[in-house]
Amino acid sequence: MSLQLGDTAPDFTQQSTEGEIHFHDWIGDSWAILFSHPADFTPVCSTELGQVAHLKPEWDKRNTKPIGLSVDGLSDHEKWDADIKDISGTNLNFPLLADADRKVSELYDLIHPNADATATVRSVFFIDPNKKIRASITYPPSAGRNFKEILRVLDSLQLTDKEKVTTPVDWTPGERVIIAPSVSNEDAEKLFPQGWEEKKSYLRLVALDKK
């Protein structure tokens, strides 16, 4: 059965480029981004891993730990790191799971036979500090991920956990958000004294930075 939003992220123990990972313990009180790769020494994956490494200040700002996975072994991962440095200008600064036995791939349903019978697809799982899966995105092996979008989704999840709002189409941090439909106008006046624009009774836009 595939994992669904709100499910507890399956726990596991697996080797990585940073030693043995006990997943739930490793997450601790942080958010986590678990993302899978079809194979080592492949072009799209190499560009992605370099980008994740470059984004370390952004992950840190969001109290988020990235962790990668492919079905190749640890020795291949370690050799691949040198290629990633040549391509992107930076070494890995996050763990890359060595899932040669496919233990984690099977837990997270990352092998899609209609796409590839042996390699994992490009899935991303957003996992909160309570170890719940809050969002997921799956790409085919041929399409590289947009990590700006992954950061945007993470920002939305973290914002809507703190405020009684949702985020509209194409939202980026700093733009207006939607007051949650479950919030009455009376309660909204207390939560958002700066006021809002009411497009419809169910669509009220508010700028949080003016609170």
N, C-alpha and C. Protein backbone atom coordinates (compact mmCIF):
# COMPACT_ATOMS: atom_id res chain seq x y z
N MET A 1 0.85 -1.19 0.00
CA MET A 1 0.00 0.00 0.00
C MET A 1 0.88 1.24 0.00
N SER A 2 0.56 2.20 -0.87
CA SER A 2 1.35 3.42 -0.94
C SER A 2 1.10 4.29 0.28
N LEU A 3 2.10 5.10 0.60
CA LEU A 3 1.99 6.01 1.74
C LEU A 3 1.09 7.18 1.38
N GLN A 4 0.33 7.64 2.38
CA GLN A 4 -0.59 8.74 2.17
C GLN A 4 -0.25 9.90 3.10
N LEU A 5 -0.76 11.07 2.76
CA LEU A 5 -0.52 12.25 3.60
C LEU A 5 -1.09 12.01 4.99
N GLY A 6 -0.30 12.36 5.99
CA GLY A 6 -0.71 12.15 7.37
C GLY A 6 -0.22 10.85 7.96
N ASP A 7 0.25 9.93 7.12
CA ASP A 7 0.82 8.68 7.62
C ASP A 7 2.13 8.97 8.35
N THR A 8 2.45 8.12 9.31
CA THR A 8 3.77 8.19 9.93
C THR A 8 4.81 7.69 8.93
N ALA A 9 5.85 8.45 8.73
CA ALA A 9 6.92 8.03 7.83
C ALA A 9 7.56 6.76 8.36
N PRO A 10 7.66 5.72 7.56
CA PRO A 10 8.25 4.48 8.06
C PRO A 10 9.67 4.70 8.61
N ASP A 11 9.91 4.12 9.76
CA ASP A 11 11.23 4.20 10.36
C ASP A 11 12.13 3.12 9.75
N PHE A 12 13.43 3.33 9.78
CA PHE A 12 14.35 2.33 9.26
C PHE A 12 15.74 2.61 9.81
N THR A 13 16.59 1.62 9.69
CA THR A 13 18.01 1.76 9.96
C THR A 13 18.74 1.36 8.69
N GLN A 14 19.60 2.25 8.18
CA GLN A 14 20.28 1.98 6.92
C GLN A 14 21.63 2.71 6.90
N GLN A 15 22.58 2.14 6.18
CA GLN A 15 23.89 2.78 6.03
C GLN A 15 23.79 3.99 5.11
N SER A 16 24.66 4.95 5.32
CA SER A 16 24.70 6.15 4.50
C SER A 16 26.13 6.66 4.41
N THR A 17 26.31 7.70 3.62
CA THR A 17 27.62 8.33 3.51
C THR A 17 28.05 9.02 4.80
N GLU A 18 27.13 9.17 5.76
CA GLU A 18 27.46 9.75 7.06
C GLU A 18 27.28 8.74 8.17
N GLY A 19 27.42 7.45 7.84
CA GLY A 19 27.29 6.40 8.84
C GLY A 19 25.88 5.83 8.90
N GLU A 20 25.65 4.98 9.90
CA GLU A 20 24.35 4.33 10.03
C GLU A 20 23.29 5.35 10.45
N ILE A 21 22.18 5.33 9.75
CA ILE A 21 21.08 6.26 10.02
C ILE A 21 19.93 5.50 10.67
N HIS A 22 19.54 5.91 11.87
CA HIS A 22 18.30 5.46 12.50
C HIS A 22 17.31 6.60 12.23
N PHE A 23 16.44 6.43 11.26
CA PHE A 23 15.77 7.55 10.62
C PHE A 23 15.03 8.46 11.59
N HIS A 24 14.13 7.92 12.41
CA HIS A 24 13.35 8.78 13.31
C HIS A 24 14.26 9.50 14.31
N ASP A 25 15.28 8.79 14.80
CA ASP A 25 16.22 9.43 15.71
C ASP A 25 17.00 10.53 14.99
N TRP A 26 17.36 10.27 13.75
CA TRP A 26 18.13 11.25 12.96
C TRP A 26 17.29 12.50 12.71
N ILE A 27 16.00 12.35 12.45
CA ILE A 27 15.14 13.52 12.24
C ILE A 27 15.08 14.37 13.50
N GLY A 28 14.93 13.73 14.65
CA GLY A 28 14.84 14.46 15.91
C GLY A 28 13.67 15.42 15.91
N ASP A 29 13.93 16.69 16.25
CA ASP A 29 12.85 17.69 16.28
C ASP A 29 12.89 18.59 15.04
N SER A 30 13.49 18.09 13.96
CA SER A 30 13.58 18.85 12.71
C SER A 30 12.53 18.37 11.72
N TRP A 31 12.41 19.09 10.62
CA TRP A 31 11.73 18.59 9.44
C TRP A 31 12.75 17.80 8.63
N ALA A 32 12.27 16.95 7.74
CA ALA A 32 13.16 16.19 6.88
C ALA A 32 12.61 16.16 5.45
N ILE A 33 13.52 16.16 4.50
CA ILE A 33 13.20 15.96 3.09
C ILE A 33 13.91 14.69 2.64
N LEU A 34 13.16 13.64 2.38
CA LEU A 34 13.72 12.38 1.87
C LEU A 34 13.48 12.35 0.37
N PHE A 35 14.56 12.25 -0.41
CA PHE A 35 14.39 12.26 -1.86
C PHE A 35 15.23 11.14 -2.49
N SER A 36 14.65 10.44 -3.46
CA SER A 36 15.28 9.26 -4.05
C SER A 36 15.83 9.56 -5.43
N HIS A 37 16.82 8.76 -5.82
CA HIS A 37 17.50 8.89 -7.11
C HIS A 37 17.54 7.54 -7.82
N PRO A 38 17.37 7.53 -9.13
CA PRO A 38 17.40 6.26 -9.87
C PRO A 38 18.72 5.50 -9.72
N ALA A 39 19.85 6.19 -9.78
CA ALA A 39 21.13 5.49 -9.73
C ALA A 39 22.27 6.48 -9.57
N ASP A 40 23.42 5.98 -9.10
CA ASP A 40 24.63 6.78 -9.02
C ASP A 40 25.20 6.99 -10.43
N PHE A 41 26.04 8.00 -10.55
CA PHE A 41 26.75 8.30 -11.80
C PHE A 41 25.78 8.52 -12.97
N THR A 42 24.66 9.17 -12.69
CA THR A 42 23.71 9.53 -13.74
C THR A 42 23.62 11.05 -13.80
N PRO A 43 23.38 11.60 -14.97
CA PRO A 43 23.53 13.06 -15.14
C PRO A 43 22.55 13.91 -14.35
N VAL A 44 21.28 13.56 -14.41
CA VAL A 44 20.28 14.39 -13.73
C VAL A 44 20.50 14.36 -12.22
N CYS A 45 20.74 13.17 -11.68
CA CYS A 45 20.96 13.02 -10.24
C CYS A 45 22.15 13.84 -9.77
N SER A 46 23.21 13.85 -10.58
CA SER A 46 24.42 14.58 -10.19
C SER A 46 24.14 16.07 -10.05
N THR A 47 23.32 16.61 -10.95
CA THR A 47 22.98 18.03 -10.85
C THR A 47 22.10 18.30 -9.63
N GLU A 48 21.20 17.37 -9.33
CA GLU A 48 20.30 17.56 -8.18
C GLU A 48 21.06 17.55 -6.86
N LEU A 49 21.94 16.57 -6.69
CA LEU A 49 22.65 16.45 -5.42
C LEU A 49 23.53 17.68 -5.16
N GLY A 50 24.15 18.19 -6.22
CA GLY A 50 24.92 19.40 -6.05
C GLY A 50 24.07 20.57 -5.62
N GLN A 51 22.88 20.67 -6.18
CA GLN A 51 21.98 21.77 -5.81
C GLN A 51 21.53 21.66 -4.36
N VAL A 52 21.21 20.44 -3.92
CA VAL A 52 20.81 20.26 -2.51
C VAL A 52 21.94 20.69 -1.58
N ALA A 53 23.18 20.36 -1.94
CA ALA A 53 24.32 20.77 -1.13
C ALA A 53 24.45 22.29 -1.10
N HIS A 54 24.29 22.94 -2.24
CA HIS A 54 24.38 24.40 -2.30
C HIS A 54 23.30 25.07 -1.45
N LEU A 55 22.17 24.40 -1.29
CA LEU A 55 21.03 24.98 -0.57
C LEU A 55 21.12 24.79 0.95
N LYS A 56 22.23 24.34 1.46
CA LYS A 56 22.34 24.08 2.90
C LYS A 56 21.88 25.26 3.77
N PRO A 57 22.25 26.51 3.44
CA PRO A 57 21.75 27.61 4.29
C PRO A 57 20.23 27.71 4.30
N GLU A 58 19.58 27.36 3.18
CA GLU A 58 18.12 27.40 3.12
C GLU A 58 17.51 26.29 3.96
N TRP A 59 18.08 25.09 3.91
CA TRP A 59 17.57 24.00 4.76
C TRP A 59 17.74 24.36 6.23
N ASP A 60 18.92 24.89 6.58
CA ASP A 60 19.18 25.23 7.98
C ASP A 60 18.20 26.29 8.48
N LYS A 61 17.91 27.27 7.63
CA LYS A 61 16.98 28.35 8.01
C LYS A 61 15.60 27.80 8.33
N ARG A 62 15.25 26.69 7.69
CA ARG A 62 13.92 26.08 7.86
C ARG A 62 13.94 24.89 8.82
N ASN A 63 15.04 24.72 9.56
CA ASN A 63 15.17 23.60 10.49
C ASN A 63 14.85 22.27 9.79
N THR A 64 15.44 22.08 8.63
CA THR A 64 15.12 20.93 7.78
C THR A 64 16.39 20.18 7.40
N LYS A 65 16.31 18.85 7.46
CA LYS A 65 17.44 18.00 7.10
C LYS A 65 17.13 17.25 5.81
N PRO A 66 17.91 17.45 4.76
CA PRO A 66 17.72 16.65 3.55
C PRO A 66 18.47 15.32 3.66
N ILE A 67 17.92 14.29 3.04
CA ILE A 67 18.58 12.99 3.00
C ILE A 67 18.22 12.32 1.68
N GLY A 68 19.24 11.90 0.94
CA GLY A 68 19.04 11.28 -0.36
C GLY A 68 19.09 9.76 -0.28
N LEU A 69 18.73 9.13 -1.39
CA LEU A 69 18.72 7.66 -1.46
C LEU A 69 18.90 7.22 -2.90
N SER A 70 19.71 6.18 -3.10
CA SER A 70 19.65 5.42 -4.35
C SER A 70 19.95 3.97 -4.03
N VAL A 71 19.70 3.09 -4.98
CA VAL A 71 19.83 1.65 -4.73
C VAL A 71 21.26 1.15 -4.95
N ASP A 72 22.21 2.06 -5.14
CA ASP A 72 23.61 1.66 -5.24
C ASP A 72 24.25 1.59 -3.86
N GLY A 73 25.43 0.96 -3.82
CA GLY A 73 26.10 0.74 -2.55
C GLY A 73 26.93 1.91 -2.07
N LEU A 74 27.43 1.79 -0.87
CA LEU A 74 28.15 2.88 -0.22
C LEU A 74 29.45 3.23 -0.95
N SER A 75 30.16 2.25 -1.47
CA SER A 75 31.42 2.54 -2.17
C SER A 75 31.15 3.37 -3.42
N ASP A 76 30.05 3.08 -4.13
CA ASP A 76 29.69 3.88 -5.29
C ASP A 76 29.34 5.31 -4.89
N HIS A 77 28.59 5.43 -3.80
CA HIS A 77 28.22 6.77 -3.31
C HIS A 77 29.48 7.61 -3.05
N GLU A 78 30.45 7.00 -2.39
CA GLU A 78 31.66 7.74 -2.02
C GLU A 78 32.44 8.17 -3.25
N LYS A 79 32.50 7.31 -4.28
CA LYS A 79 33.17 7.68 -5.53
C LYS A 79 32.39 8.76 -6.27
N TRP A 80 31.06 8.66 -6.22
CA TRP A 80 30.20 9.63 -6.90
C TRP A 80 30.38 11.03 -6.33
N ASP A 81 30.67 11.10 -5.03
CA ASP A 81 30.82 12.40 -4.38
C ASP A 81 31.88 13.24 -5.08
N ALA A 82 32.95 12.59 -5.55
CA ALA A 82 34.00 13.34 -6.25
C ALA A 82 33.48 13.91 -7.56
N ASP A 83 32.65 13.16 -8.27
CA ASP A 83 32.04 13.66 -9.50
C ASP A 83 31.13 14.86 -9.21
N ILE A 84 30.36 14.75 -8.15
CA ILE A 84 29.43 15.83 -7.79
C ILE A 84 30.22 17.10 -7.50
N LYS A 85 31.37 16.96 -6.83
CA LYS A 85 32.23 18.12 -6.55
C LYS A 85 32.71 18.75 -7.87
N ASP A 86 33.11 17.92 -8.82
CA ASP A 86 33.58 18.44 -10.11
C ASP A 86 32.47 19.17 -10.86
N ILE A 87 31.25 18.62 -10.79
CA ILE A 87 30.13 19.17 -11.55
C ILE A 87 29.56 20.44 -10.90
N SER A 88 29.41 20.39 -9.59
CA SER A 88 28.68 21.47 -8.91
C SER A 88 29.56 22.41 -8.10
N GLY A 89 30.78 21.98 -7.82
CA GLY A 89 31.67 22.81 -7.01
C GLY A 89 31.55 22.58 -5.52
N THR A 90 30.77 21.58 -5.11
CA THR A 90 30.63 21.30 -3.69
C THR A 90 30.47 19.81 -3.47
N ASN A 91 30.99 19.34 -2.33
CA ASN A 91 30.78 17.95 -1.94
C ASN A 91 29.43 17.79 -1.26
N LEU A 92 29.01 16.56 -1.10
CA LEU A 92 27.79 16.28 -0.34
C LEU A 92 27.97 16.79 1.09
N ASN A 93 26.96 17.43 1.63
CA ASN A 93 26.98 17.86 3.03
C ASN A 93 25.72 17.38 3.75
N PHE A 94 25.17 16.30 3.24
CA PHE A 94 24.00 15.64 3.82
C PHE A 94 24.15 14.15 3.54
N PRO A 95 23.47 13.28 4.29
CA PRO A 95 23.63 11.85 4.07
C PRO A 95 22.94 11.35 2.81
N LEU A 96 23.57 10.38 2.15
CA LEU A 96 23.00 9.69 1.01
C LEU A 96 22.90 8.21 1.38
N LEU A 97 21.66 7.73 1.49
CA LEU A 97 21.43 6.35 1.90
C LEU A 97 21.89 5.37 0.84
N ALA A 98 22.56 4.32 1.28
CA ALA A 98 22.99 3.24 0.40
C ALA A 98 21.96 2.11 0.51
N ASP A 99 21.02 2.11 -0.41
CA ASP A 99 19.86 1.21 -0.29
C ASP A 99 19.96 0.04 -1.26
N ALA A 100 21.14 -0.61 -1.29
CA ALA A 100 21.35 -1.71 -2.23
C ALA A 100 20.40 -2.87 -1.99
N ASP A 101 19.97 -3.05 -0.74
CA ASP A 101 19.02 -4.13 -0.44
C ASP A 101 17.57 -3.70 -0.65
N ARG A 102 17.37 -2.45 -1.06
CA ARG A 102 16.04 -1.89 -1.35
C ARG A 102 15.10 -1.85 -0.14
N LYS A 103 15.65 -1.92 1.02
CA LYS A 103 14.81 -1.92 2.22
C LYS A 103 13.99 -0.64 2.32
N VAL A 104 14.67 0.49 2.17
CA VAL A 104 13.96 1.78 2.28
C VAL A 104 13.10 2.01 1.04
N SER A 105 13.60 1.63 -0.12
CA SER A 105 12.83 1.80 -1.36
C SER A 105 11.50 1.08 -1.30
N GLU A 106 11.49 -0.09 -0.70
CA GLU A 106 10.24 -0.84 -0.58
C GLU A 106 9.32 -0.23 0.47
N LEU A 107 9.90 0.24 1.57
CA LEU A 107 9.09 0.89 2.60
C LEU A 107 8.35 2.10 2.04
N TYR A 108 9.02 2.84 1.17
CA TYR A 108 8.47 4.09 0.64
C TYR A 108 7.92 3.95 -0.77
N ASP A 109 7.83 2.72 -1.27
CA ASP A 109 7.23 2.43 -2.58
C ASP A 109 7.89 3.26 -3.68
N LEU A 110 9.21 3.16 -3.76
CA LEU A 110 9.97 3.98 -4.69
C LEU A 110 10.30 3.27 -6.00
N ILE A 111 10.03 1.98 -6.09
CA ILE A 111 10.23 1.24 -7.33
C ILE A 111 8.90 1.18 -8.07
N HIS A 112 8.84 1.81 -9.23
CA HIS A 112 7.62 1.82 -10.04
C HIS A 112 7.90 1.02 -11.31
N PRO A 113 7.50 -0.24 -11.38
CA PRO A 113 7.88 -1.10 -12.50
C PRO A 113 7.51 -0.56 -13.87
N ASN A 114 6.44 0.20 -13.97
CA ASN A 114 6.06 0.74 -15.28
C ASN A 114 6.98 1.87 -15.73
N ALA A 115 7.77 2.40 -14.78
CA ALA A 115 8.77 3.42 -15.14
C ALA A 115 10.15 2.80 -15.27
N ASP A 116 10.52 1.96 -14.30
CA ASP A 116 11.79 1.25 -14.33
C ASP A 116 11.69 0.11 -13.32
N ALA A 117 12.04 -1.08 -13.72
CA ALA A 117 11.85 -2.25 -12.86
C ALA A 117 12.89 -2.36 -11.76
N THR A 118 14.00 -1.64 -11.89
CA THR A 118 15.08 -1.79 -10.92
C THR A 118 15.44 -0.50 -10.19
N ALA A 119 15.33 0.64 -10.86
CA ALA A 119 15.76 1.91 -10.26
C ALA A 119 14.58 2.61 -9.59
N THR A 120 14.90 3.45 -8.63
CA THR A 120 13.85 4.23 -7.96
C THR A 120 13.46 5.44 -8.80
N VAL A 121 12.21 5.84 -8.70
CA VAL A 121 11.77 7.08 -9.33
C VAL A 121 12.24 8.25 -8.46
N ARG A 122 12.01 9.47 -8.95
CA ARG A 122 12.42 10.66 -8.19
C ARG A 122 11.26 11.11 -7.29
N SER A 123 11.21 10.56 -6.11
CA SER A 123 10.18 10.96 -5.16
C SER A 123 10.75 11.87 -4.09
N VAL A 124 9.90 12.74 -3.57
CA VAL A 124 10.26 13.64 -2.47
C VAL A 124 9.20 13.49 -1.39
N PHE A 125 9.63 13.26 -0.16
CA PHE A 125 8.71 13.21 0.97
C PHE A 125 9.07 14.33 1.95
N PHE A 126 8.06 15.11 2.31
CA PHE A 126 8.19 16.18 3.30
C PHE A 126 7.71 15.60 4.63
N ILE A 127 8.58 15.53 5.61
CA ILE A 127 8.28 14.87 6.88
C ILE A 127 8.47 15.86 8.01
N ASP A 128 7.45 16.00 8.86
CA ASP A 128 7.52 17.01 9.92
C ASP A 128 8.16 16.44 11.18
N PRO A 129 8.39 17.26 12.22
CA PRO A 129 9.05 16.77 13.43
C PRO A 129 8.28 15.68 14.16
N ASN A 130 6.98 15.56 13.89
CA ASN A 130 6.19 14.46 14.47
C ASN A 130 6.29 13.19 13.64
N LYS A 131 7.16 13.22 12.63
CA LYS A 131 7.43 12.07 11.75
C LYS A 131 6.25 11.75 10.84
N LYS A 132 5.39 12.75 10.58
CA LYS A 132 4.26 12.58 9.68
C LYS A 132 4.62 13.05 8.27
N ILE A 133 4.13 12.33 7.27
CA ILE A 133 4.32 12.73 5.88
C ILE A 133 3.32 13.83 5.57
N ARG A 134 3.83 15.03 5.26
CA ARG A 134 2.96 16.17 5.06
C ARG A 134 2.71 16.47 3.58
N ALA A 135 3.62 16.04 2.71
CA ALA A 135 3.46 16.23 1.27
C ALA A 135 4.41 15.28 0.57
N SER A 136 4.11 15.01 -0.68
CA SER A 136 5.02 14.19 -1.50
C SER A 136 4.88 14.61 -2.96
N ILE A 137 5.97 14.49 -3.68
CA ILE A 137 6.01 14.79 -5.12
C ILE A 137 6.79 13.67 -5.79
N THR A 138 6.29 13.17 -6.91
CA THR A 138 7.00 12.12 -7.64
C THR A 138 7.21 12.54 -9.08
N TYR A 139 8.45 12.41 -9.52
CA TYR A 139 8.87 12.73 -10.88
C TYR A 139 9.36 11.46 -11.56
N PRO A 140 9.30 11.39 -12.89
CA PRO A 140 9.90 10.26 -13.59
C PRO A 140 11.42 10.39 -13.58
N PRO A 141 12.14 9.30 -13.85
CA PRO A 141 13.61 9.37 -13.85
C PRO A 141 14.18 10.42 -14.80
N SER A 142 13.44 10.77 -15.86
CA SER A 142 13.98 11.68 -16.87
C SER A 142 13.89 13.15 -16.49
N ALA A 143 13.11 13.50 -15.48
CA ALA A 143 12.84 14.91 -15.15
C ALA A 143 13.50 15.30 -13.83
N GLY A 144 14.38 16.28 -13.90
CA GLY A 144 15.00 16.78 -12.68
C GLY A 144 14.02 17.61 -11.86
N ARG A 145 14.22 17.58 -10.57
CA ARG A 145 13.32 18.30 -9.66
C ARG A 145 13.62 19.80 -9.64
N ASN A 146 12.59 20.57 -9.28
CA ASN A 146 12.74 22.00 -9.08
C ASN A 146 12.81 22.24 -7.57
N PHE A 147 14.00 22.47 -7.05
CA PHE A 147 14.14 22.62 -5.61
C PHE A 147 13.63 23.97 -5.10
N LYS A 148 13.44 24.93 -5.99
CA LYS A 148 12.75 26.16 -5.58
C LYS A 148 11.31 25.83 -5.20
N GLU A 149 10.68 24.93 -5.96
CA GLU A 149 9.32 24.52 -5.64
C GLU A 149 9.28 23.71 -4.35
N ILE A 150 10.28 22.87 -4.14
CA ILE A 150 10.34 22.08 -2.91
C ILE A 150 10.47 23.00 -1.71
N LEU A 151 11.30 24.03 -1.81
CA LEU A 151 11.40 25.00 -0.71
C LEU A 151 10.09 25.76 -0.53
N ARG A 152 9.42 26.07 -1.64
CA ARG A 152 8.15 26.80 -1.56
C ARG A 152 7.09 25.97 -0.83
N VAL A 153 7.01 24.69 -1.15
CA VAL A 153 6.05 23.81 -0.47
C VAL A 153 6.39 23.72 1.02
N LEU A 154 7.67 23.59 1.31
CA LEU A 154 8.10 23.52 2.71
C LEU A 154 7.73 24.80 3.45
N ASP A 155 7.94 25.95 2.82
CA ASP A 155 7.55 27.23 3.45
C ASP A 155 6.05 27.28 3.70
N SER A 156 5.26 26.79 2.75
CA SER A 156 3.81 26.80 2.92
C SER A 156 3.40 25.90 4.09
N LEU A 157 3.97 24.72 4.16
CA LEU A 157 3.64 23.80 5.25
C LEU A 157 3.98 24.40 6.61
N GLN A 158 5.16 24.99 6.70
CA GLN A 158 5.58 25.54 7.99
C GLN A 158 4.76 26.77 8.36
N LEU A 159 4.42 27.60 7.38
CA LEU A 159 3.61 28.78 7.67
C LEU A 159 2.21 28.39 8.13
N THR A 160 1.58 27.46 7.40
CA THR A 160 0.19 27.11 7.72
C THR A 160 0.08 26.28 9.00
N ASP A 161 1.21 25.76 9.48
CA ASP A 161 1.21 25.14 10.81
C ASP A 161 1.14 26.20 11.90
N LYS A 162 1.68 27.39 11.62
CA LYS A 162 1.74 28.44 12.64
C LYS A 162 0.55 29.39 12.59
N GLU A 163 0.02 29.62 11.40
CA GLU A 163 -1.05 30.60 11.21
C GLU A 163 -2.30 29.91 10.66
N LYS A 164 -3.45 30.47 10.94
CA LYS A 164 -4.70 29.90 10.45
C LYS A 164 -4.98 30.40 9.03
N VAL A 165 -4.10 29.99 8.13
CA VAL A 165 -4.17 30.43 6.74
C VAL A 165 -3.86 29.26 5.81
N THR A 166 -4.17 29.48 4.53
CA THR A 166 -3.72 28.60 3.46
C THR A 166 -3.01 29.47 2.43
N THR A 167 -2.30 28.85 1.49
CA THR A 167 -1.55 29.64 0.51
C THR A 167 -2.15 29.48 -0.88
N PRO A 168 -2.33 30.57 -1.61
CA PRO A 168 -2.99 30.52 -2.92
C PRO A 168 -2.05 30.07 -4.04
N VAL A 169 -2.59 30.01 -5.21
CA VAL A 169 -1.85 29.59 -6.40
C VAL A 169 -0.57 30.44 -6.57
N ASP A 170 0.52 29.76 -6.88
CA ASP A 170 1.80 30.41 -7.18
C ASP A 170 2.35 31.25 -6.02
N TRP A 171 1.83 31.03 -4.81
CA TRP A 171 2.28 31.80 -3.65
C TRP A 171 3.77 31.63 -3.43
N THR A 172 4.41 32.71 -3.03
CA THR A 172 5.78 32.66 -2.53
C THR A 172 5.83 33.46 -1.23
N PRO A 173 6.80 33.18 -0.34
CA PRO A 173 6.86 33.86 0.95
C PRO A 173 6.86 35.38 0.80
N GLY A 174 6.06 36.02 1.65
CA GLY A 174 5.92 37.47 1.62
C GLY A 174 4.66 37.94 0.90
N GLU A 175 4.08 37.07 0.08
CA GLU A 175 2.85 37.43 -0.62
C GLU A 175 1.64 37.17 0.28
N ARG A 176 0.50 37.70 -0.13
CA ARG A 176 -0.71 37.53 0.66
C ARG A 176 -1.13 36.06 0.72
N VAL A 177 -1.76 35.71 1.82
CA VAL A 177 -2.26 34.35 2.02
C VAL A 177 -3.77 34.40 2.21
N ILE A 178 -4.39 33.24 2.30
CA ILE A 178 -5.84 33.13 2.44
C ILE A 178 -6.18 32.79 3.89
N ILE A 179 -7.09 33.54 4.47
CA ILE A 179 -7.58 33.18 5.80
C ILE A 179 -8.35 31.88 5.69
N ALA A 180 -8.04 30.92 6.55
CA ALA A 180 -8.66 29.60 6.48
C ALA A 180 -10.18 29.73 6.55
N PRO A 181 -10.91 29.00 5.71
CA PRO A 181 -12.38 29.07 5.71
C PRO A 181 -13.01 28.74 7.06
N SER A 182 -12.29 27.96 7.87
CA SER A 182 -12.83 27.58 9.19
C SER A 182 -12.82 28.74 10.18
N VAL A 183 -12.14 29.83 9.84
CA VAL A 183 -12.05 31.00 10.73
C VAL A 183 -13.18 31.96 10.42
N SER A 184 -14.01 32.25 11.41
CA SER A 184 -15.11 33.20 11.21
C SER A 184 -14.55 34.62 11.09
N ASN A 185 -15.37 35.52 10.55
CA ASN A 185 -14.94 36.92 10.47
C ASN A 185 -14.66 37.50 11.85
N GLU A 186 -15.46 37.10 12.82
CA GLU A 186 -15.26 37.59 14.19
C GLU A 186 -13.89 37.17 14.71
N ASP A 187 -13.54 35.92 14.51
CA ASP A 187 -12.23 35.46 14.96
C ASP A 187 -11.12 36.05 14.11
N ALA A 188 -11.39 36.24 12.82
CA ALA A 188 -10.38 36.81 11.93
C ALA A 188 -10.01 38.22 12.36
N GLU A 189 -10.98 38.99 12.89
CA GLU A 189 -10.69 40.35 13.34
C GLU A 189 -9.67 40.35 14.48
N LYS A 190 -9.72 39.30 15.30
CA LYS A 190 -8.75 39.19 16.40
C LYS A 190 -7.39 38.71 15.90
N LEU A 191 -7.42 37.76 14.95
CA LEU A 191 -6.18 37.18 14.45
C LEU A 191 -5.45 38.09 13.47
N PHE A 192 -6.24 38.86 12.71
CA PHE A 192 -5.67 39.67 11.64
C PHE A 192 -6.20 41.10 11.74
N PRO A 193 -5.80 41.84 12.79
CA PRO A 193 -6.32 43.20 12.98
C PRO A 193 -5.91 44.17 11.88
N GLN A 194 -4.93 43.78 11.07
CA GLN A 194 -4.52 44.64 9.96
C GLN A 194 -5.56 44.68 8.85
N GLY A 195 -6.56 43.79 8.91
CA GLY A 195 -7.61 43.75 7.91
C GLY A 195 -7.25 42.87 6.73
N TRP A 196 -8.23 42.64 5.87
CA TRP A 196 -8.05 41.75 4.73
C TRP A 196 -8.94 42.19 3.59
N GLU A 197 -8.67 41.63 2.42
CA GLU A 197 -9.51 41.89 1.25
C GLU A 197 -10.40 40.67 1.04
N GLU A 198 -11.71 40.92 0.99
CA GLU A 198 -12.66 39.81 0.80
C GLU A 198 -13.09 39.74 -0.66
N LYS A 199 -12.56 38.77 -1.37
CA LYS A 199 -12.94 38.54 -2.76
C LYS A 199 -14.30 37.85 -2.83
N LYS A 200 -14.48 36.87 -1.98
CA LYS A 200 -15.72 36.14 -1.78
C LYS A 200 -15.81 35.83 -0.29
N SER A 201 -16.96 35.40 0.16
CA SER A 201 -17.10 35.09 1.58
C SER A 201 -16.12 34.01 2.01
N TYR A 202 -15.72 33.16 1.06
CA TYR A 202 -14.80 32.06 1.37
C TYR A 202 -13.37 32.35 0.91
N LEU A 203 -13.13 33.55 0.37
CA LEU A 203 -11.80 33.90 -0.13
C LEU A 203 -11.42 35.28 0.40
N ARG A 204 -10.66 35.25 1.51
CA ARG A 204 -10.23 36.47 2.19
C ARG A 204 -8.70 36.51 2.19
N LEU A 205 -8.13 37.50 1.53
CA LEU A 205 -6.70 37.61 1.39
C LEU A 205 -6.13 38.57 2.43
N VAL A 206 -5.03 38.15 3.05
CA VAL A 206 -4.43 38.97 4.11
C VAL A 206 -2.92 38.97 3.94
N ALA A 207 -2.30 40.11 4.28
CA ALA A 207 -0.85 40.24 4.26
C ALA A 207 -0.33 40.07 5.68
N LEU A 208 0.34 38.98 5.94
CA LEU A 208 0.80 38.69 7.30
C LEU A 208 1.91 39.63 7.74
N ASP A 209 2.71 40.12 6.80
CA ASP A 209 3.83 40.96 7.20
C ASP A 209 3.38 42.32 7.69
N LYS A 210 2.08 42.63 7.62
CA LYS A 210 1.58 43.92 8.13
C LYS A 210 0.86 43.77 9.46
N LYS A 211 0.99 42.58 10.06
CA LYS A 211 0.33 42.40 11.37
C LYS A 211 0.99 43.23 12.45
